[in-house]
C-alpha atoms as a PDB file:
ATOM      1  CA  MET A   1       0.999  33.753   8.415  1.00  0.00           C
ATOM      2  CA  PRO A   2       0.981  29.912   8.607  1.00  0.00           C
ATOM      3  CA  SER A   3       3.172  27.969  10.879  1.00  0.00           C
ATOM      4  CA  ILE A   4       4.350  24.442  11.145  1.00  0.00           C
ATOM      5  CA  ASP A   5       2.546  21.827  13.322  1.00  0.00           C
ATOM      6  CA  ARG A   6       4.154  18.876  14.959  1.00  0.00           C
ATOM      7  CA  PHE A   7       2.658  15.537  13.919  1.00  0.00           C
ATOM      8  CA  GLU A   8       2.856  12.504  16.262  1.00  0.00           C
ATOM      9  CA  PRO A   9       3.260   9.410  14.051  1.00  0.00           C
ATOM     10  CA  GLN A  10       0.776   6.573  14.691  1.00  0.00           C
ATOM     11  CA  THR A  11       1.682   2.878  14.445  1.00  0.00           C
ATOM     12  CA  THR A  12      -0.518   0.077  13.454  1.00  0.00           C
ATOM     13  CA  VAL A  13       0.663  -3.583  13.428  1.00  0.00           C
ATOM     14  CA  HIS A  14      -0.911  -6.347  11.271  1.00  0.00           C
ATOM     15  CA  PRO A  15       0.360  -9.943  10.821  1.00  0.00           C
ATOM     16  CA  TRP A  16       1.749  -8.999   7.435  1.00  0.00           C
ATOM     17  CA  ILE A  17       2.698  -5.290   7.784  1.00  0.00           C
ATOM     18  CA  THR A  18       3.517  -2.648  10.252  1.00  0.00           C
ATOM     19  CA  GLU A  19       2.096   0.774   9.096  1.00  0.00           C
ATOM     20  CA  VAL A  20       3.457   4.069  10.540  1.00  0.00           C
ATOM     21  CA  LEU A  21       1.295   7.003   9.694  1.00  0.00           C
ATOM     22  CA  VAL A  22       3.616   9.954   9.294  1.00  0.00           C
ATOM     23  CA  ALA A  23       1.448  12.657   7.771  1.00  0.00           C
ATOM     24  CA  HIS A  24      -2.411  13.215   7.944  1.00  0.00           C
ATOM     25  CA  THR A  25      -3.794  16.454   6.488  1.00  0.00           C
ATOM     26  CA  ALA A  26      -7.259  17.210   4.758  1.00  0.00           C
ATOM     27  CA  GLU A  27      -5.463  16.862   1.312  1.00  0.00           C
ATOM     28  CA  TYR A  28      -3.145  13.699   1.820  1.00  0.00           C
ATOM     29  CA  ILE A  29      -1.744  11.154   4.145  1.00  0.00           C
ATOM     30  CA  GLY A  30       1.864   9.498   4.192  1.00  0.00           C
ATOM     31  CA  LYS A  31       2.723   6.111   5.494  1.00  0.00           C
ATOM     32  CA  VAL A  32       5.901   4.152   5.937  1.00  0.00           C
ATOM     33  CA  LEU A  33       5.031   0.457   5.539  1.00  0.00           C
ATOM     34  CA  TYR A  34       7.143  -2.423   6.766  1.00  0.00           C
ATOM     35  CA  TYR A  35       6.253  -5.735   5.038  1.00  0.00           C
ATOM     36  CA  ARG A  36       7.566  -9.157   6.316  1.00  0.00           C
ATOM     37  CA  PRO A  37       7.969 -12.111   3.931  1.00  0.00           C
ATOM     38  CA  GLY A  38       6.100 -15.250   4.634  1.00  0.00           C
ATOM     39  CA  GLN A  39       2.666 -13.618   4.883  1.00  0.00           C
ATOM     40  CA  LEU A  40      -0.047 -13.385   1.838  1.00  0.00           C
ATOM     41  CA  PRO A  41      -2.123 -10.300   2.275  1.00  0.00           C
ATOM     42  CA  ALA A  42      -5.612 -10.213   0.855  1.00  0.00           C
ATOM     43  CA  LEU A  43      -6.147  -9.269  -2.773  1.00  0.00           C
ATOM     44  CA  GLN A  44      -8.021  -5.875  -2.595  1.00  0.00           C
ATOM     45  CA  TYR A  45      -9.149  -2.749  -4.045  1.00  0.00           C
ATOM     46  CA  HIS A  46     -10.256   0.485  -2.700  1.00  0.00           C
ATOM     47  CA  GLU A  47     -13.471   2.490  -3.652  1.00  0.00           C
ATOM     48  CA  HIS A  48     -12.157   5.874  -2.916  1.00  0.00           C
ATOM     49  CA  LYS A  49      -8.422   5.592  -2.019  1.00  0.00           C
ATOM     50  CA  ASP A  50      -6.025   6.883  -4.640  1.00  0.00           C
ATOM     51  CA  GLU A  51      -2.431   5.787  -3.664  1.00  0.00           C
ATOM     52  CA  THR A  52       1.049   5.676  -4.971  1.00  0.00           C
ATOM     53  CA  PHE A  53       3.816   3.522  -3.262  1.00  0.00           C
ATOM     54  CA  TYR A  54       7.592   3.608  -3.532  1.00  0.00           C
ATOM     55  CA  LEU A  55       9.653   0.821  -2.434  1.00  0.00           C
ATOM     56  CA  VAL A  56      12.616   2.146  -0.405  1.00  0.00           C
ATOM     57  CA  SER A  57      14.468  -1.137   0.346  1.00  0.00           C
ATOM     58  CA  GLY A  58      13.751  -4.788  -0.067  1.00  0.00           C
ATOM     59  CA  GLU A  59      11.904  -6.818  -2.885  1.00  0.00           C
ATOM     60  CA  CYS A  60       8.309  -7.679  -3.239  1.00  0.00           C
ATOM     61  CA  TRP A  61       5.833  -9.082  -5.572  1.00  0.00           C
ATOM     62  CA  VAL A  62       2.810  -6.910  -6.759  1.00  0.00           C
ATOM     63  CA  ASP A  63      -0.077  -8.780  -8.052  1.00  0.00           C
ATOM     64  CA  TYR A  64      -2.847  -6.748  -9.963  1.00  0.00           C
ATOM     65  CA  ASP A  65      -5.615  -7.202 -12.344  1.00  0.00           C
ATOM     66  CA  ALA A  66      -4.906  -5.327 -15.570  1.00  0.00           C
ATOM     67  CA  GLY A  67      -8.528  -5.163 -16.449  1.00  0.00           C
ATOM     68  CA  ASP A  68      -8.942  -8.509 -17.857  1.00  0.00           C
ATOM     69  CA  GLY A  69      -9.956 -10.382 -14.828  1.00  0.00           C
ATOM     70  CA  LYS A  70      -6.606 -12.255 -14.609  1.00  0.00           C
ATOM     71  CA  LEU A  71      -3.866 -11.723 -12.027  1.00  0.00           C
ATOM     72  CA  SER A  72      -0.523 -10.475 -13.236  1.00  0.00           C
ATOM     73  CA  ARG A  73       2.626 -10.394 -11.102  1.00  0.00           C
ATOM     74  CA  LEU A  74       5.481  -8.217 -11.292  1.00  0.00           C
ATOM     75  CA  ARG A  75       8.765  -7.957  -9.230  1.00  0.00           C
ATOM     76  CA  MET A  76       9.242  -4.448  -7.509  1.00  0.00           C
ATOM     77  CA  LEU A  77      12.651  -3.290  -6.800  1.00  0.00           C
ATOM     78  CA  PRO A  78      13.868  -0.400  -4.737  1.00  0.00           C
ATOM     79  CA  GLY A  79      13.364   2.851  -6.288  1.00  0.00           C
ATOM     80  CA  GLN A  80      10.339   1.841  -8.122  1.00  0.00           C
ATOM     81  CA  ALA A  81       6.779   3.353  -7.629  1.00  0.00           C
ATOM     82  CA  TYR A  82       3.167   2.562  -8.689  1.00  0.00           C
ATOM     83  CA  HIS A  83       0.061   4.503  -8.707  1.00  0.00           C
ATOM     84  CA  VAL A  84      -3.057   2.409  -7.775  1.00  0.00           C
ATOM     85  CA  PRO A  85      -6.190   4.218  -8.548  1.00  0.00           C
ATOM     86  CA  PRO A  86      -9.569   3.644  -6.830  1.00  0.00           C
ATOM     87  CA  GLY A  87     -10.993   0.338  -8.035  1.00  0.00           C
ATOM     88  CA  ALA A  88      -7.650  -1.122  -9.075  1.00  0.00           C
ATOM     89  CA  VAL A  89      -7.276  -4.821  -7.803  1.00  0.00           C
ATOM     90  CA  HIS A  90      -3.862  -5.361  -6.118  1.00  0.00           C
ATOM     91  CA  ARG A  91      -1.741  -6.937  -3.472  1.00  0.00           C
ATOM     92  CA  VAL A  92       1.812  -6.557  -2.214  1.00  0.00           C
ATOM     93  CA  GLU A  93       3.743  -9.588  -0.910  1.00  0.00           C
ATOM     94  CA  ALA A  94       7.186  -9.269   0.535  1.00  0.00           C
ATOM     95  CA  ILE A  95      10.084 -11.403  -0.919  1.00  0.00           C
ATOM     96  CA  THR A  96      12.519  -9.947   1.641  1.00  0.00           C
ATOM     97  CA  ASP A  97      11.737  -7.513   4.429  1.00  0.00           C
ATOM     98  CA  CYS A  98      10.631  -4.286   2.743  1.00  0.00           C
ATOM     99  CA  VAL A  99      10.348  -0.546   3.456  1.00  0.00           C
ATOM    100  CA  MET A 100       7.806   1.311   1.463  1.00  0.00           C
ATOM    101  CA  PHE A 101       6.443   4.679   1.511  1.00  0.00           C
ATOM    102  CA  GLU A 102       2.835   5.427   0.568  1.00  0.00           C
ATOM    103  CA  ALA A 103       1.160   8.600  -0.256  1.00  0.00           C
ATOM    104  CA  SER A 104      -2.586   8.927  -0.843  1.00  0.00           C
ATOM    105  CA  ASN A 105      -5.719  10.962  -0.414  1.00  0.00           C
ATOM    106  CA  PRO A 106      -6.916  10.973   3.248  1.00  0.00           C
ATOM    107  CA  VAL A 107      -9.025   7.826   3.087  1.00  0.00           C
ATOM    108  CA  PHE A 108      -9.041   5.072   5.589  1.00  0.00           C
ATOM    109  CA  ASP A 109     -11.046   1.693   6.192  1.00  0.00           C
ATOM    110  CA  ASP A 110     -11.688   1.565   2.273  1.00  0.00           C
ATOM    111  CA  ARG A 111     -10.487  -1.934   1.674  1.00  0.00           C
ATOM    112  CA  VAL A 112     -12.668  -4.464  -0.403  1.00  0.00           C
ATOM    113  CA  ARG A 113     -11.265  -8.043  -0.452  1.00  0.00           C
ATOM    114  CA  VAL A 114     -11.650  -9.868  -3.558  1.00  0.00           C
ATOM    115  CA  GLU A 115      -9.702 -12.989  -3.103  1.00  0.00           C
ATOM    116  CA  ASP A 116     -12.295 -15.466  -3.963  1.00  0.00           C
ATOM    117  CA  ARG A 117     -12.658 -14.054  -7.436  1.00  0.00           C
ATOM    118  CA  TYR A 118      -9.186 -15.258  -8.293  1.00  0.00           C
ATOM    119  CA  GLU A 119      -8.751 -18.657  -6.862  1.00  0.00           C
END
């Protein structure tokens, strides 16, 4: 019979975000993300990572390429969620302090920066 295992959260701090890894299994990972306003993260995509993020609190911009080679921008509010499949160009920029939850397949170090294509 399976049992439960304690998981020790792991925190990583970047200039624009603090990530707290709260789940890591062979099938999925879960993170709590703390975004700070005033920082512009790189526009990026992932080759293998398939993620969904849910905004718990705050407001942010989500920049993305809808497949036409141009950036679109939407305002994300608490309670909204977006799925970001592999290859989808995107960026999250905090308008206010934000708390976001992210669930994805267990892929790390899969960020490809593409900023120069859109400037």
